[in-house]
Amino acid sequence: MLIFPEQCRAARGLLNWSQENLALAAGVSRSTIKDFEAQRHCLQRSSEKLLVETFDSAGVELLIEGSGRLGVRFKR
């Protein structure tokens, strides 16, 4: 998995984006984001890639530390 639901919510918060803002920017449906963040289902690989690329383009780095801790931050 390239992105986890918690990271998606945190990255949106960092950017001050709503689920709708992210959906429009990534080209996926709002229900896809809503269900993913609520852990109702996993993302299809294509949707996952779009979200990761969208956050990357917006300057957000998704972090997974060796201990398994998840995070997000603005790129340096």
C-alpha atoms as a PDB file:
ATOM      1  CA  MET A   1       0.000   0.000   0.000  1.00  0.00           C
ATOM      2  CA  LEU A   2       1.320   3.430  -0.974  1.00  0.00           C
ATOM      3  CA  ILE A   3      -1.048   5.484   1.189  1.00  0.00           C
ATOM      4  CA  PHE A   4      -3.034   4.689   4.309  1.00  0.00           C
ATOM      5  CA  PRO A   5      -6.422   6.175   5.263  1.00  0.00           C
ATOM      6  CA  GLU A   6      -4.905   8.092   8.177  1.00  0.00           C
ATOM      7  CA  GLN A   7      -2.337   9.662   5.863  1.00  0.00           C
ATOM      8  CA  CYS A   8      -5.018  10.661   3.393  1.00  0.00           C
ATOM      9  CA  ARG A   9      -6.990  12.494   6.101  1.00  0.00           C
ATOM     10  CA  ALA A  10      -3.838  14.093   7.514  1.00  0.00           C
ATOM     11  CA  ALA A  11      -2.585  15.205   4.096  1.00  0.00           C
ATOM     12  CA  ARG A  12      -5.960  16.756   3.310  1.00  0.00           C
ATOM     13  CA  GLY A  13      -5.810  18.559   6.647  1.00  0.00           C
ATOM     14  CA  LEU A  14      -2.313  19.835   5.945  1.00  0.00           C
ATOM     15  CA  LEU A  15      -3.552  21.273   2.656  1.00  0.00           C
ATOM     16  CA  ASN A  16      -6.885  22.391   4.133  1.00  0.00           C
ATOM     17  CA  TRP A  17      -8.686  20.369   1.445  1.00  0.00           C
ATOM     18  CA  SER A  18     -12.120  18.821   1.763  1.00  0.00           C
ATOM     19  CA  GLN A  19     -12.827  15.352   0.422  1.00  0.00           C
ATOM     20  CA  GLU A  20     -14.449  17.065  -2.554  1.00  0.00           C
ATOM     21  CA  ASN A  21     -11.334  19.200  -3.186  1.00  0.00           C
ATOM     22  CA  LEU A  22      -9.152  16.091  -3.196  1.00  0.00           C
ATOM     23  CA  ALA A  23     -11.584  14.187  -5.406  1.00  0.00           C
ATOM     24  CA  LEU A  24     -11.550  16.961  -7.999  1.00  0.00           C
ATOM     25  CA  ALA A  25      -7.764  17.362  -7.876  1.00  0.00           C
ATOM     26  CA  ALA A  26      -7.127  13.611  -8.177  1.00  0.00           C
ATOM     27  CA  GLY A  27      -9.886  12.774 -10.635  1.00  0.00           C
ATOM     28  CA  VAL A  28     -11.627  10.235  -8.399  1.00  0.00           C
ATOM     29  CA  SER A  29     -15.075  10.247  -6.822  1.00  0.00           C
ATOM     30  CA  ARG A  30     -15.720  11.749  -3.421  1.00  0.00           C
ATOM     31  CA  SER A  31     -17.270   8.443  -2.332  1.00  0.00           C
ATOM     32  CA  THR A  32     -13.974   6.700  -3.126  1.00  0.00           C
ATOM     33  CA  ILE A  33     -12.162   9.015  -0.715  1.00  0.00           C
ATOM     34  CA  LYS A  34     -14.934   8.894   1.893  1.00  0.00           C
ATOM     35  CA  ASP A  35     -15.034   5.086   1.908  1.00  0.00           C
ATOM     36  CA  PHE A  36     -11.234   4.786   1.919  1.00  0.00           C
ATOM     37  CA  GLU A  37     -10.793   7.183   4.840  1.00  0.00           C
ATOM     38  CA  ALA A  38     -13.553   5.371   6.760  1.00  0.00           C
ATOM     39  CA  GLN A  39     -11.715   2.099   6.029  1.00  0.00           C
ATOM     40  CA  ARG A  40     -14.765   0.622   4.293  1.00  0.00           C
ATOM     41  CA  HIS A  41     -12.628  -0.611   1.412  1.00  0.00           C
ATOM     42  CA  CYS A  42      -9.143  -0.494  -0.041  1.00  0.00           C
ATOM     43  CA  LEU A  43      -8.351   1.649  -3.029  1.00  0.00           C
ATOM     44  CA  GLN A  44      -7.890   0.276  -6.499  1.00  0.00           C
ATOM     45  CA  ARG A  45      -4.251   0.625  -7.530  1.00  0.00           C
ATOM     46  CA  SER A  46      -5.142   3.258 -10.122  1.00  0.00           C
ATOM     47  CA  SER A  47      -6.989   5.407  -7.554  1.00  0.00           C
ATOM     48  CA  GLU A  48      -4.204   4.958  -5.022  1.00  0.00           C
ATOM     49  CA  LYS A  49      -1.651   6.125  -7.576  1.00  0.00           C
ATOM     50  CA  LEU A  50      -3.751   9.180  -8.422  1.00  0.00           C
ATOM     51  CA  LEU A  51      -4.026  10.190  -4.759  1.00  0.00           C
ATOM     52  CA  VAL A  52      -0.310   9.756  -4.127  1.00  0.00           C
ATOM     53  CA  GLU A  53       0.573  11.759  -7.253  1.00  0.00           C
ATOM     54  CA  THR A  54      -1.899  14.500  -6.313  1.00  0.00           C
ATOM     55  CA  PHE A  55      -0.444  14.901  -2.833  1.00  0.00           C
ATOM     56  CA  ASP A  56       3.073  14.831  -4.278  1.00  0.00           C
ATOM     57  CA  SER A  57       2.185  17.561  -6.798  1.00  0.00           C
ATOM     58  CA  ALA A  58       0.681  19.614  -3.963  1.00  0.00           C
ATOM     59  CA  GLY A  59       3.979  19.383  -2.073  1.00  0.00           C
ATOM     60  CA  VAL A  60       3.010  16.796   0.537  1.00  0.00           C
ATOM     61  CA  GLU A  61       5.294  13.911   1.408  1.00  0.00           C
ATOM     62  CA  LEU A  62       3.786  10.680   2.759  1.00  0.00           C
ATOM     63  CA  LEU A  63       5.972   9.093   5.442  1.00  0.00           C
ATOM     64  CA  ILE A  64       6.245   5.545   6.749  1.00  0.00           C
ATOM     65  CA  GLU A  65       8.969   5.210   9.361  1.00  0.00           C
ATOM     66  CA  GLY A  66      10.817   1.980  10.044  1.00  0.00           C
ATOM     67  CA  SER A  67       8.776   1.436  13.185  1.00  0.00           C
ATOM     68  CA  GLY A  68       5.616   1.517  11.084  1.00  0.00           C
ATOM     69  CA  ARG A  69       4.617   5.015  12.184  1.00  0.00           C
ATOM     70  CA  LEU A  70       2.746   6.977   9.543  1.00  0.00           C
ATOM     71  CA  GLY A  71       2.990  10.680   8.861  1.00  0.00           C
ATOM     72  CA  VAL A  72       2.742  13.495   6.357  1.00  0.00           C
ATOM     73  CA  ARG A  73       4.692  16.728   5.938  1.00  0.00           C
ATOM     74  CA  PHE A  74       5.367  19.413   3.412  1.00  0.00           C
ATOM     75  CA  LYS A  75       8.323  18.537   1.196  1.00  0.00           C
ATOM     76  CA  ARG A  76      11.576  20.245   2.030  1.00  0.00           C
END
